[in-house]
Amino acid sequence: MTIRARLLTLLATLATLALVLVGAGCGGDGGGGSSEDAQALLDKAYKKQIKSADVKFEIEAQLDGVEEAKGPLKLTLEGPYKQDSPEELPVLDWDINASGAGKEFSGGLTITENNAFVEYKGQTYEVGSELFSQFKQQTAQQQQSFTPEGLRRIGFDPTKWLKDPELKDGEDIGGDSTQLVTGDVEVRKVIEDFFDLLSSDAFKQQLQRQGQVVPDLSKPSEEELQKIEQAIDELKFEANIDDQDRVRRTLIDGDFTVPEGTDAGELKGGSVLFEFVFEKVDIDPSIEAPANPKPLSELAEQFGVGGLLGGSGASPGTPGAPPGGYQTP
């Protein structure tokens, strides 16, 4: 895999992993504190689950030099969810908006107890209860691989990414005061953690179950690691934590420049930002199946892939929750 491919894989995968990171929550004793206090907050946060919330997840990327990705690429997911345990899929009702390369998309995703629905161009399509049940069973077998302890076993531990973390007063979110944990990110540690995850059997099985091609995700050589590290100009991590031991906002923001002489094709550099905010927590959302849905196979036929769905619904991987669902570290 080329350096360009590795960089793009790393950036794209952040979108999935941000959902694993941001549900954690922890609390403390007001603004200010030692590096040990800040680290203790992160360690506590990585063990807590937010079971329900109104959320907003935003991704924005700029890839300089790549003609087909000219201009900013944006994706926003927004709406309520509820998940009683990390072993279960959440129920949710999210609006989806995406833009980039001169195109825009808006739609929605709804997951109920026994079905999943996709909205596209004002029409709703259903996966179907039978296939959705199969998907839930398969997902339950994989969930524990992507719990905090499961991630730590394969070496992925974001609580160790900050060098000398700081604790400051943070902004109010949803009417609740927060503390801000930030600090210098150890870029090499982040890169190594991501490639440990990407090369793990659990992650590869997740891709296979969703019908995706599993690329060569072996760990880079020392030379490749150094080039990727050199490419990242700045990487920022922030977590806003309320006084009820819950992370209410997580930000990952980075800029990169491809070093001269690197095999990166057209890619010259760029930036990427992920922000996940829990506007309200401990809610009881009323999430119901949309009225008059059509089979998802009809939507697939519009994109020329109807045969992949067997003509009756969708493959078990269609709902496509991120690895580990939406539980929090």
C-alpha atoms as a PDB file:
ATOM      1  CA  MET A   1       0.000   0.000   0.000  1.00  0.00           C
ATOM      2  CA  THR A   2       1.402   3.448  -0.937  1.00  0.00           C
ATOM      3  CA  ILE A   3       1.911   6.252   1.562  1.00  0.00           C
ATOM      4  CA  ARG A   4      -0.999   8.091  -0.079  1.00  0.00           C
ATOM      5  CA  ALA A   5      -3.271   5.092   0.383  1.00  0.00           C
ATOM      6  CA  ARG A   6      -2.197   4.701   3.993  1.00  0.00           C
ATOM      7  CA  LEU A   7      -2.827   8.380   4.717  1.00  0.00           C
ATOM      8  CA  LEU A   8      -6.259   8.308   3.121  1.00  0.00           C
ATOM      9  CA  THR A   9      -7.133   5.074   4.930  1.00  0.00           C
ATOM     10  CA  LEU A  10      -6.077   6.648   8.229  1.00  0.00           C
ATOM     11  CA  LEU A  11      -8.175   9.764   7.635  1.00  0.00           C
ATOM     12  CA  ALA A  12     -11.251   7.872   6.480  1.00  0.00           C
ATOM     13  CA  THR A  13     -11.099   5.461   9.405  1.00  0.00           C
ATOM     14  CA  LEU A  14     -11.158   8.343  11.901  1.00  0.00           C
ATOM     15  CA  ALA A  15     -14.784   8.871  10.951  1.00  0.00           C
ATOM     16  CA  THR A  16     -15.724   5.440  12.235  1.00  0.00           C
ATOM     17  CA  LEU A  17     -13.497   5.530  15.280  1.00  0.00           C
ATOM     18  CA  ALA A  18     -14.716   8.929  16.406  1.00  0.00           C
ATOM     19  CA  LEU A  19     -18.051   7.256  17.146  1.00  0.00           C
ATOM     20  CA  VAL A  20     -16.225   4.828  19.422  1.00  0.00           C
ATOM     21  CA  LEU A  21     -14.372   7.615  21.224  1.00  0.00           C
ATOM     22  CA  VAL A  22     -16.922  10.250  21.916  1.00  0.00           C
ATOM     23  CA  GLY A  23     -19.581   8.652  24.019  1.00  0.00           C
ATOM     24  CA  ALA A  24     -17.313   8.363  27.038  1.00  0.00           C
ATOM     25  CA  GLY A  25     -17.942  10.717  29.939  1.00  0.00           C
ATOM     26  CA  CYS A  26     -16.195  11.660  33.143  1.00  0.00           C
ATOM     27  CA  GLY A  27     -16.251  14.407  35.752  1.00  0.00           C
ATOM     28  CA  GLY A  28     -14.051  16.428  38.116  1.00  0.00           C
ATOM     29  CA  ASP A  29     -13.732  19.321  40.537  1.00  0.00           C
ATOM     30  CA  GLY A  30     -13.933  22.567  38.554  1.00  0.00           C
ATOM     31  CA  GLY A  31     -11.503  24.264  36.181  1.00  0.00           C
ATOM     32  CA  GLY A  32      -7.760  23.786  36.395  1.00  0.00           C
ATOM     33  CA  GLY A  33      -5.746  20.875  37.673  1.00  0.00           C
ATOM     34  CA  SER A  34      -2.586  18.875  37.185  1.00  0.00           C
ATOM     35  CA  SER A  35      -1.685  16.703  34.231  1.00  0.00           C
ATOM     36  CA  GLU A  36      -2.399  13.709  36.467  1.00  0.00           C
ATOM     37  CA  ASP A  37      -5.916  15.028  37.138  1.00  0.00           C
ATOM     38  CA  ALA A  38      -6.569  15.462  33.419  1.00  0.00           C
ATOM     39  CA  GLN A  39      -5.270  11.984  32.644  1.00  0.00           C
ATOM     40  CA  ALA A  40      -7.408  10.509  35.411  1.00  0.00           C
ATOM     41  CA  LEU A  41     -10.483  12.113  33.822  1.00  0.00           C
ATOM     42  CA  LEU A  42      -9.698  10.548  30.451  1.00  0.00           C
ATOM     43  CA  ASP A  43      -9.119   7.155  32.049  1.00  0.00           C
ATOM     44  CA  LYS A  44     -12.496   7.349  33.802  1.00  0.00           C
ATOM     45  CA  ALA A  45     -14.193   8.580  30.652  1.00  0.00           C
ATOM     46  CA  TYR A  46     -13.045   5.574  28.694  1.00  0.00           C
ATOM     47  CA  LYS A  47     -15.121   3.310  30.908  1.00  0.00           C
ATOM     48  CA  LYS A  48     -18.482   5.052  30.767  1.00  0.00           C
ATOM     49  CA  GLN A  49     -21.465   4.745  28.423  1.00  0.00           C
ATOM     50  CA  ILE A  50     -23.991   7.416  27.492  1.00  0.00           C
ATOM     51  CA  LYS A  51     -27.159   5.429  26.891  1.00  0.00           C
ATOM     52  CA  SER A  52     -29.243   8.108  25.159  1.00  0.00           C
ATOM     53  CA  ALA A  53     -28.707  11.557  23.702  1.00  0.00           C
ATOM     54  CA  ASP A  54     -29.356  14.051  20.939  1.00  0.00           C
ATOM     55  CA  VAL A  55     -26.118  14.051  18.997  1.00  0.00           C
ATOM     56  CA  LYS A  56     -24.423  15.910  16.181  1.00  0.00           C
ATOM     57  CA  PHE A  57     -21.460  14.334  14.407  1.00  0.00           C
ATOM     58  CA  GLU A  58     -19.608  16.408  11.827  1.00  0.00           C
ATOM     59  CA  ILE A  59     -16.719  15.493   9.544  1.00  0.00           C
ATOM     60  CA  GLU A  60     -14.968  18.007   7.313  1.00  0.00           C
ATOM     61  CA  ALA A  61     -11.939  17.250   5.145  1.00  0.00           C
ATOM     62  CA  GLN A  62      -9.864  19.121   2.606  1.00  0.00           C
ATOM     63  CA  LEU A  63      -7.587  17.103   0.304  1.00  0.00           C
ATOM     64  CA  ASP A  64      -5.312  19.493  -1.564  1.00  0.00           C
ATOM     65  CA  GLY A  65      -4.269  18.458  -5.056  1.00  0.00           C
ATOM     66  CA  VAL A  66      -6.872  15.714  -5.527  1.00  0.00           C
ATOM     67  CA  GLU A  67      -9.029  16.952  -8.394  1.00  0.00           C
ATOM     68  CA  GLU A  68     -11.974  14.604  -7.725  1.00  0.00           C
ATOM     69  CA  ALA A  69     -12.088  15.862  -4.113  1.00  0.00           C
ATOM     70  CA  LYS A  70     -11.790  19.553  -4.941  1.00  0.00           C
ATOM     71  CA  GLY A  71     -13.236  21.750  -2.219  1.00  0.00           C
ATOM     72  CA  PRO A  72     -14.225  20.723   1.305  1.00  0.00           C
ATOM     73  CA  LEU A  73     -15.907  17.370   1.894  1.00  0.00           C
ATOM     74  CA  LYS A  74     -18.542  17.483   4.638  1.00  0.00           C
ATOM     75  CA  LEU A  75     -20.718  14.911   6.376  1.00  0.00           C
ATOM     76  CA  THR A  76     -23.156  15.648   9.196  1.00  0.00           C
ATOM     77  CA  LEU A  77     -25.221  13.150  11.202  1.00  0.00           C
ATOM     78  CA  GLU A  78     -27.742  14.607  13.625  1.00  0.00           C
ATOM     79  CA  GLY A  79     -30.570  13.286  15.791  1.00  0.00           C
ATOM     80  CA  PRO A  80     -31.499  11.135  18.818  1.00  0.00           C
ATOM     81  CA  TYR A  81     -30.335   7.654  19.744  1.00  0.00           C
ATOM     82  CA  LYS A  82     -30.799   5.217  22.603  1.00  0.00           C
ATOM     83  CA  GLN A  83     -28.705   2.166  23.463  1.00  0.00           C
ATOM     84  CA  ASP A  84     -29.370   0.228  26.668  1.00  0.00           C
ATOM     85  CA  SER A  85     -26.166  -1.843  26.561  1.00  0.00           C
ATOM     86  CA  PRO A  86     -22.957  -1.996  24.485  1.00  0.00           C
ATOM     87  CA  GLU A  87     -23.944  -5.466  23.252  1.00  0.00           C
ATOM     88  CA  GLU A  88     -27.040  -4.135  21.469  1.00  0.00           C
ATOM     89  CA  LEU A  89     -27.572  -2.008  18.403  1.00  0.00           C
ATOM     90  CA  PRO A  90     -28.942   1.452  19.195  1.00  0.00           C
ATOM     91  CA  VAL A  91     -32.331   2.694  18.084  1.00  0.00           C
ATOM     92  CA  LEU A  92     -31.870   6.022  16.334  1.00  0.00           C
ATOM     93  CA  ASP A  93     -33.366   8.539  13.944  1.00  0.00           C
ATOM     94  CA  TRP A  94     -30.659  10.567  12.221  1.00  0.00           C
ATOM     95  CA  ASP A  95     -30.666  13.169   9.481  1.00  0.00           C
ATOM     96  CA  ILE A  96     -27.728  12.825   7.097  1.00  0.00           C
ATOM     97  CA  ASN A  97     -26.276  15.645   5.013  1.00  0.00           C
ATOM     98  CA  ALA A  98     -23.194  15.393   2.819  1.00  0.00           C
ATOM     99  CA  SER A  99     -21.514  17.681   0.313  1.00  0.00           C
ATOM    100  CA  GLY A 100     -18.341  17.740  -1.738  1.00  0.00           C
ATOM    101  CA  ALA A 101     -16.940  17.781  -5.251  1.00  0.00           C
ATOM    102  CA  GLY A 102     -19.842  19.996  -6.310  1.00  0.00           C
ATOM    103  CA  LYS A 103     -22.520  17.565  -5.155  1.00  0.00           C
ATOM    104  CA  GLU A 104     -24.898  17.484  -2.193  1.00  0.00           C
ATOM    105  CA  PHE A 105     -26.871  14.715  -0.519  1.00  0.00           C
ATOM    106  CA  SER A 106     -29.513  14.709   2.190  1.00  0.00           C
ATOM    107  CA  GLY A 107     -31.353  11.773   3.640  1.00  0.00           C
ATOM    108  CA  GLY A 108     -31.858   9.844   6.835  1.00  0.00           C
ATOM    109  CA  LEU A 109     -31.268   6.645   8.752  1.00  0.00           C
ATOM    110  CA  THR A 110     -33.761   5.145  11.216  1.00  0.00           C
ATOM    111  CA  ILE A 111     -33.122   2.020  13.273  1.00  0.00           C
ATOM    112  CA  THR A 112     -35.920   0.556  15.406  1.00  0.00           C
ATOM    113  CA  GLU A 113     -35.970  -2.558  17.567  1.00  0.00           C
ATOM    114  CA  ASN A 114     -36.656  -4.860  14.616  1.00  0.00           C
ATOM    115  CA  ASN A 115     -35.935  -3.012  11.374  1.00  0.00           C
ATOM    116  CA  ALA A 116     -33.825  -0.346   9.678  1.00  0.00           C
ATOM    117  CA  PHE A 117     -34.840   2.337   7.169  1.00  0.00           C
ATOM    118  CA  VAL A 118     -32.982   4.609   4.777  1.00  0.00           C
ATOM    119  CA  GLU A 119     -34.446   7.850   3.429  1.00  0.00           C
ATOM    120  CA  TYR A 120     -33.309   9.032   0.001  1.00  0.00           C
ATOM    121  CA  LYS A 121     -34.840  11.836  -2.079  1.00  0.00           C
ATOM    122  CA  GLY A 122     -37.886  11.945   0.173  1.00  0.00           C
ATOM    123  CA  GLN A 123     -38.648   8.209  -0.086  1.00  0.00           C
ATOM    124  CA  THR A 124     -38.055   5.706   2.704  1.00  0.00           C
ATOM    125  CA  TYR A 125     -36.725   2.189   2.058  1.00  0.00           C
ATOM    126  CA  GLU A 126     -36.692  -0.668   4.564  1.00  0.00           C
ATOM    127  CA  VAL A 127     -34.129  -3.401   5.134  1.00  0.00           C
ATOM    128  CA  GLY A 128     -36.795  -5.852   6.327  1.00  0.00           C
ATOM    129  CA  SER A 129     -37.190  -7.482   9.735  1.00  0.00           C
ATOM    130  CA  GLU A 130     -35.823 -10.902   8.727  1.00  0.00           C
ATOM    131  CA  LEU A 131     -32.550  -9.646   7.302  1.00  0.00           C
ATOM    132  CA  PHE A 132     -32.242  -7.037  10.036  1.00  0.00           C
ATOM    133  CA  SER A 133     -32.546  -9.788  12.648  1.00  0.00           C
ATOM    134  CA  GLN A 134     -29.684 -11.656  10.980  1.00  0.00           C
ATOM    135  CA  PHE A 135     -27.609  -8.493  11.016  1.00  0.00           C
ATOM    136  CA  LYS A 136     -28.259  -7.940  14.727  1.00  0.00           C
ATOM    137  CA  GLN A 137     -27.178 -11.486  15.546  1.00  0.00           C
ATOM    138  CA  GLN A 138     -23.967 -11.119  13.572  1.00  0.00           C
ATOM    139  CA  THR A 139     -23.248  -7.757  15.142  1.00  0.00           C
ATOM    140  CA  ALA A 140     -23.753  -9.100  18.662  1.00  0.00           C
ATOM    141  CA  GLN A 141     -20.997 -11.648  18.010  1.00  0.00           C
ATOM    142  CA  GLN A 142     -18.551  -8.848  17.134  1.00  0.00           C
ATOM    143  CA  GLN A 143     -19.551  -6.133  19.615  1.00  0.00           C
ATOM    144  CA  GLN A 144     -17.196  -7.134  22.403  1.00  0.00           C
ATOM    145  CA  SER A 145     -14.175  -6.803  20.115  1.00  0.00           C
ATOM    146  CA  PHE A 146     -14.850  -3.074  19.954  1.00  0.00           C
ATOM    147  CA  THR A 147     -15.582  -2.366  23.605  1.00  0.00           C
ATOM    148  CA  PRO A 148     -12.934  -0.307  25.452  1.00  0.00           C
ATOM    149  CA  GLU A 149     -11.291  -3.431  26.884  1.00  0.00           C
ATOM    150  CA  GLY A 150     -11.408  -5.165  23.512  1.00  0.00           C
ATOM    151  CA  LEU A 151      -9.714  -2.195  21.869  1.00  0.00           C
ATOM    152  CA  ARG A 152      -7.036  -2.067  24.533  1.00  0.00           C
ATOM    153  CA  ARG A 153      -6.237  -5.746  23.968  1.00  0.00           C
ATOM    154  CA  ILE A 154      -5.212  -4.962  20.391  1.00  0.00           C
ATOM    155  CA  GLY A 155      -3.296  -1.850  21.443  1.00  0.00           C
ATOM    156  CA  PHE A 156      -5.813   0.890  20.621  1.00  0.00           C
ATOM    157  CA  ASP A 157      -6.029   3.262  23.605  1.00  0.00           C
ATOM    158  CA  PRO A 158      -6.850   6.963  22.960  1.00  0.00           C
ATOM    159  CA  THR A 159      -6.464   7.767  26.658  1.00  0.00           C
ATOM    160  CA  LYS A 160      -2.708   7.468  26.088  1.00  0.00           C
ATOM    161  CA  TRP A 161      -2.534   9.799  23.079  1.00  0.00           C
ATOM    162  CA  LEU A 162      -1.957  13.047  25.010  1.00  0.00           C
ATOM    163  CA  LYS A 163       1.407  14.072  26.377  1.00  0.00           C
ATOM    164  CA  ASP A 164       0.991  16.088  29.585  1.00  0.00           C
ATOM    165  CA  PRO A 165      -2.798  16.642  29.193  1.00  0.00           C
ATOM    166  CA  GLU A 166      -4.260  19.880  30.539  1.00  0.00           C
ATOM    167  CA  LEU A 167      -7.536  20.554  32.356  1.00  0.00           C
ATOM    168  CA  LYS A 168      -9.317  23.886  31.775  1.00  0.00           C
ATOM    169  CA  ASP A 169     -12.759  25.476  32.068  1.00  0.00           C
ATOM    170  CA  GLY A 170     -14.850  24.482  29.044  1.00  0.00           C
ATOM    171  CA  GLU A 171     -17.906  25.867  27.288  1.00  0.00           C
ATOM    172  CA  ASP A 172     -21.485  25.146  28.386  1.00  0.00           C
ATOM    173  CA  ILE A 173     -23.176  22.429  26.335  1.00  0.00           C
ATOM    174  CA  GLY A 174     -26.921  21.886  26.504  1.00  0.00           C
ATOM    175  CA  GLY A 175     -27.062  24.182  29.536  1.00  0.00           C
ATOM    176  CA  ASP A 176     -24.452  22.148  31.446  1.00  0.00           C
ATOM    177  CA  SER A 177     -21.003  23.407  32.409  1.00  0.00           C
ATOM    178  CA  THR A 178     -17.990  21.393  31.281  1.00  0.00           C
ATOM    179  CA  GLN A 179     -14.281  21.008  31.763  1.00  0.00           C
ATOM    180  CA  LEU A 180     -11.924  20.814  28.786  1.00  0.00           C
ATOM    181  CA  VAL A 181      -9.203  18.178  28.529  1.00  0.00           C
ATOM    182  CA  THR A 182      -6.605  18.892  25.857  1.00  0.00           C
ATOM    183  CA  GLY A 183      -2.865  18.748  25.279  1.00  0.00           C
ATOM    184  CA  ASP A 184      -0.124  17.842  22.836  1.00  0.00           C
ATOM    185  CA  VAL A 185      -0.937  14.707  20.858  1.00  0.00           C
ATOM    186  CA  GLU A 186       1.737  12.031  20.501  1.00  0.00           C
ATOM    187  CA  VAL A 187       1.390  11.540  16.754  1.00  0.00           C
ATOM    188  CA  ARG A 188       3.445   8.347  16.564  1.00  0.00           C
ATOM    189  CA  LYS A 189       1.253   6.698  19.211  1.00  0.00           C
ATOM    190  CA  VAL A 190      -1.922   7.645  17.312  1.00  0.00           C
ATOM    191  CA  ILE A 191      -0.572   6.252  14.030  1.00  0.00           C
ATOM    192  CA  GLU A 192       0.554   2.991  15.605  1.00  0.00           C
ATOM    193  CA  ASP A 193      -2.768   2.546  17.401  1.00  0.00           C
ATOM    194  CA  PHE A 194      -4.744   3.052  14.196  1.00  0.00           C
ATOM    195  CA  PHE A 195      -2.726   0.541  12.237  1.00  0.00           C
ATOM    196  CA  ASP A 196      -2.939  -1.977  15.092  1.00  0.00           C
ATOM    197  CA  LEU A 197      -6.711  -1.637  14.839  1.00  0.00           C
ATOM    198  CA  LEU A 198      -6.820  -1.693  11.043  1.00  0.00           C
ATOM    199  CA  SER A 199      -4.755  -4.871  10.884  1.00  0.00           C
ATOM    200  CA  SER A 200      -6.737  -6.667  13.608  1.00  0.00           C
ATOM    201  CA  ASP A 201      -8.851  -9.711  12.760  1.00  0.00           C
ATOM    202  CA  ALA A 202     -11.911  -8.100  14.384  1.00  0.00           C
ATOM    203  CA  PHE A 203     -11.741  -5.056  12.091  1.00  0.00           C
ATOM    204  CA  LYS A 204     -11.189  -7.168   8.971  1.00  0.00           C
ATOM    205  CA  GLN A 205     -14.148  -9.378   9.878  1.00  0.00           C
ATOM    206  CA  GLN A 206     -16.296  -6.251  10.290  1.00  0.00           C
ATOM    207  CA  LEU A 207     -15.429  -5.124   6.755  1.00  0.00           C
ATOM    208  CA  GLN A 208     -16.079  -8.591   5.342  1.00  0.00           C
ATOM    209  CA  ARG A 209     -19.466  -8.807   7.076  1.00  0.00           C
ATOM    210  CA  GLN A 210     -20.459  -5.499   5.484  1.00  0.00           C
ATOM    211  CA  GLY A 211     -19.493  -6.832   2.046  1.00  0.00           C
ATOM    212  CA  GLN A 212     -16.485  -4.536   1.748  1.00  0.00           C
ATOM    213  CA  VAL A 213     -13.123  -5.408   0.248  1.00  0.00           C
ATOM    214  CA  VAL A 214     -10.449  -5.873   2.909  1.00  0.00           C
ATOM    215  CA  PRO A 215      -7.329  -3.960   1.791  1.00  0.00           C
ATOM    216  CA  ASP A 216      -3.749  -4.657   2.770  1.00  0.00           C
ATOM    217  CA  LEU A 217      -3.724  -3.191   6.259  1.00  0.00           C
ATOM    218  CA  SER A 218      -0.476  -4.636   7.540  1.00  0.00           C
ATOM    219  CA  LYS A 219       1.532  -2.448   9.893  1.00  0.00           C
ATOM    220  CA  PRO A 220       3.796   0.020   8.060  1.00  0.00           C
ATOM    221  CA  SER A 221       7.565  -0.297   8.142  1.00  0.00           C
ATOM    222  CA  GLU A 222       9.590   2.081  10.306  1.00  0.00           C
ATOM    223  CA  GLU A 223      10.380   4.161   7.214  1.00  0.00           C
ATOM    224  CA  GLU A 224       6.695   4.410   6.307  1.00  0.00           C
ATOM    225  CA  LEU A 225       5.776   5.324   9.884  1.00  0.00           C
ATOM    226  CA  GLN A 226       8.318   8.122   9.848  1.00  0.00           C
ATOM    227  CA  LYS A 227       6.955   9.486   6.564  1.00  0.00           C
ATOM    228  CA  ILE A 228       3.373   9.444   7.856  1.00  0.00           C
ATOM    229  CA  GLU A 229       4.497  11.125  11.081  1.00  0.00           C
ATOM    230  CA  GLN A 230       6.369  13.793   9.109  1.00  0.00           C
ATOM    231  CA  ALA A 231       3.268  14.402   6.992  1.00  0.00           C
ATOM    232  CA  ILE A 232       1.119  15.369   9.987  1.00  0.00           C
ATOM    233  CA  ASP A 233       1.788  19.034  10.758  1.00  0.00           C
ATOM    234  CA  GLU A 234      -0.633  19.334  13.651  1.00  0.00           C
ATOM    235  CA  LEU A 235      -3.074  17.064  15.450  1.00  0.00           C
ATOM    236  CA  LYS A 236      -5.399  18.389  18.147  1.00  0.00           C
ATOM    237  CA  PHE A 237      -7.645  16.479  20.537  1.00  0.00           C
ATOM    238  CA  GLU A 238     -10.223  18.051  22.881  1.00  0.00           C
ATOM    239  CA  ALA A 239     -12.833  16.550  25.203  1.00  0.00           C
ATOM    240  CA  ASN A 240     -15.473  18.567  27.082  1.00  0.00           C
ATOM    241  CA  ILE A 241     -16.594  16.744  30.223  1.00  0.00           C
ATOM    242  CA  ASP A 242     -19.592  17.671  32.370  1.00  0.00           C
ATOM    243  CA  ASP A 243     -19.978  17.296  36.140  1.00  0.00           C
ATOM    244  CA  GLN A 244     -21.944  14.047  35.759  1.00  0.00           C
ATOM    245  CA  ASP A 245     -18.996  12.082  34.377  1.00  0.00           C
ATOM    246  CA  ARG A 246     -20.012  12.382  30.705  1.00  0.00           C
ATOM    247  CA  VAL A 247     -18.064  13.583  27.684  1.00  0.00           C
ATOM    248  CA  ARG A 248     -20.300  16.078  25.890  1.00  0.00           C
ATOM    249  CA  ARG A 249     -17.981  17.045  23.032  1.00  0.00           C
ATOM    250  CA  THR A 250     -14.973  15.483  21.341  1.00  0.00           C
ATOM    251  CA  LEU A 251     -12.866  17.210  18.706  1.00  0.00           C
ATOM    252  CA  ILE A 252     -10.118  15.719  16.556  1.00  0.00           C
ATOM    253  CA  ASP A 253      -8.540  18.278  14.222  1.00  0.00           C
ATOM    254  CA  GLY A 254      -5.456  17.773  12.066  1.00  0.00           C
ATOM    255  CA  ASP A 255      -3.442  19.250   9.201  1.00  0.00           C
ATOM    256  CA  PHE A 256      -0.999  17.332   7.032  1.00  0.00           C
ATOM    257  CA  THR A 257       1.481  18.009   4.236  1.00  0.00           C
ATOM    258  CA  VAL A 258       2.812  15.231   2.042  1.00  0.00           C
ATOM    259  CA  PRO A 259       6.653  15.329   2.187  1.00  0.00           C
ATOM    260  CA  GLU A 260       8.521  15.876  -1.064  1.00  0.00           C
ATOM    261  CA  GLY A 261       9.600  12.678  -2.749  1.00  0.00           C
ATOM    262  CA  THR A 262       6.720  10.696  -1.224  1.00  0.00           C
ATOM    263  CA  ASP A 263       4.603   8.455  -3.456  1.00  0.00           C
ATOM    264  CA  ALA A 264       1.275  10.196  -2.822  1.00  0.00           C
ATOM    265  CA  GLY A 265       0.018  10.777  -6.343  1.00  0.00           C
ATOM    266  CA  GLU A 266      -1.852  14.082  -6.641  1.00  0.00           C
ATOM    267  CA  LEU A 267      -2.276  14.505  -2.887  1.00  0.00           C
ATOM    268  CA  LYS A 268      -0.290  17.483  -1.566  1.00  0.00           C
ATOM    269  CA  GLY A 269      -1.758  17.874   1.887  1.00  0.00           C
ATOM    270  CA  GLY A 270      -4.934  18.981   3.584  1.00  0.00           C
ATOM    271  CA  SER A 271      -6.897  18.965   6.798  1.00  0.00           C
ATOM    272  CA  VAL A 272      -9.485  16.863   8.566  1.00  0.00           C
ATOM    273  CA  LEU A 273     -11.845  17.664  11.435  1.00  0.00           C
ATOM    274  CA  PHE A 274     -14.218  15.445  13.423  1.00  0.00           C
ATOM    275  CA  GLU A 275     -16.519  16.862  16.066  1.00  0.00           C
ATOM    276  CA  PHE A 276     -19.091  14.926  18.063  1.00  0.00           C
ATOM    277  CA  VAL A 277     -21.420  16.807  20.440  1.00  0.00           C
ATOM    278  CA  PHE A 278     -24.026  15.453  22.856  1.00  0.00           C
ATOM    279  CA  GLU A 279     -26.412  18.418  22.994  1.00  0.00           C
ATOM    280  CA  LYS A 280     -28.783  16.676  25.419  1.00  0.00           C
ATOM    281  CA  VAL A 281     -28.311  13.456  27.358  1.00  0.00           C
ATOM    282  CA  ASP A 282     -30.513  10.982  29.252  1.00  0.00           C
ATOM    283  CA  ILE A 283     -33.431  11.551  26.895  1.00  0.00           C
ATOM    284  CA  ASP A 284     -36.231   9.119  26.057  1.00  0.00           C
ATOM    285  CA  PRO A 285     -36.611   9.447  22.282  1.00  0.00           C
ATOM    286  CA  SER A 286     -39.707   8.154  20.544  1.00  0.00           C
ATOM    287  CA  ILE A 287     -38.322   6.387  17.474  1.00  0.00           C
ATOM    288  CA  GLU A 288     -40.920   4.766  15.247  1.00  0.00           C
ATOM    289  CA  ALA A 289     -40.862   3.030  11.879  1.00  0.00           C
ATOM    290  CA  PRO A 290     -41.552   5.436   8.972  1.00  0.00           C
ATOM    291  CA  ALA A 291     -44.838   4.989   7.120  1.00  0.00           C
ATOM    292  CA  ASN A 292     -45.126   3.339   3.693  1.00  0.00           C
ATOM    293  CA  PRO A 293     -41.523   2.252   3.098  1.00  0.00           C
ATOM    294  CA  LYS A 294     -40.427   0.493  -0.077  1.00  0.00           C
ATOM    295  CA  PRO A 295     -38.010  -2.479  -0.185  1.00  0.00           C
ATOM    296  CA  LEU A 296     -34.379  -1.413  -0.076  1.00  0.00           C
ATOM    297  CA  SER A 297     -33.791  -3.467  -3.213  1.00  0.00           C
ATOM    298  CA  GLU A 298     -35.645  -0.769  -5.177  1.00  0.00           C
ATOM    299  CA  LEU A 299     -33.141   1.831  -3.993  1.00  0.00           C
ATOM    300  CA  ALA A 300     -30.249  -0.492  -4.793  1.00  0.00           C
ATOM    301  CA  GLU A 301     -31.543  -0.933  -8.340  1.00  0.00           C
ATOM    302  CA  GLN A 302     -31.261   2.828  -8.844  1.00  0.00           C
ATOM    303  CA  PHE A 303     -27.533   2.450  -8.280  1.00  0.00           C
ATOM    304  CA  GLY A 304     -27.211  -0.696 -10.382  1.00  0.00           C
ATOM    305  CA  VAL A 305     -26.587  -3.083  -7.490  1.00  0.00           C
ATOM    306  CA  GLY A 306     -30.042  -4.577  -7.060  1.00  0.00           C
ATOM    307  CA  GLY A 307     -28.782  -8.118  -7.683  1.00  0.00           C
ATOM    308  CA  LEU A 308     -26.592  -7.930  -4.598  1.00  0.00           C
ATOM    309  CA  LEU A 309     -29.672  -7.687  -2.402  1.00  0.00           C
ATOM    310  CA  GLY A 310     -31.450 -10.744  -3.668  1.00  0.00           C
ATOM    311  CA  GLY A 311     -34.468  -8.715  -4.764  1.00  0.00           C
ATOM    312  CA  SER A 312     -36.146  -8.687  -1.361  1.00  0.00           C
ATOM    313  CA  GLY A 313     -34.293  -6.379   0.942  1.00  0.00           C
ATOM    314  CA  ALA A 314     -30.685  -5.861   1.850  1.00  0.00           C
ATOM    315  CA  SER A 315     -27.672  -7.830   2.824  1.00  0.00           C
ATOM    316  CA  PRO A 316     -27.313  -8.359   6.573  1.00  0.00           C
ATOM    317  CA  GLY A 317     -24.607  -5.706   6.669  1.00  0.00           C
ATOM    318  CA  THR A 318     -26.717  -2.970   5.123  1.00  0.00           C
ATOM    319  CA  PRO A 319     -27.666  -0.976   8.245  1.00  0.00           C
ATOM    320  CA  GLY A 320     -23.925  -0.438   8.737  1.00  0.00           C
ATOM    321  CA  ALA A 321     -23.422   0.619  12.333  1.00  0.00           C
ATOM    322  CA  PRO A 322     -19.782   1.442  13.087  1.00  0.00           C
ATOM    323  CA  PRO A 323     -17.674  -1.243  14.775  1.00  0.00           C
ATOM    324  CA  GLY A 324     -18.977  -1.712  18.289  1.00  0.00           C
ATOM    325  CA  GLY A 325     -22.211   0.149  17.598  1.00  0.00           C
ATOM    326  CA  TYR A 326     -22.445   3.441  19.481  1.00  0.00           C
ATOM    327  CA  GLN A 327     -21.225   2.412  22.901  1.00  0.00           C
ATOM    328  CA  THR A 328     -18.592   4.554  24.515  1.00  0.00           C
ATOM    329  CA  PRO A 329     -15.111   3.760  25.690  1.00  0.00           C
END
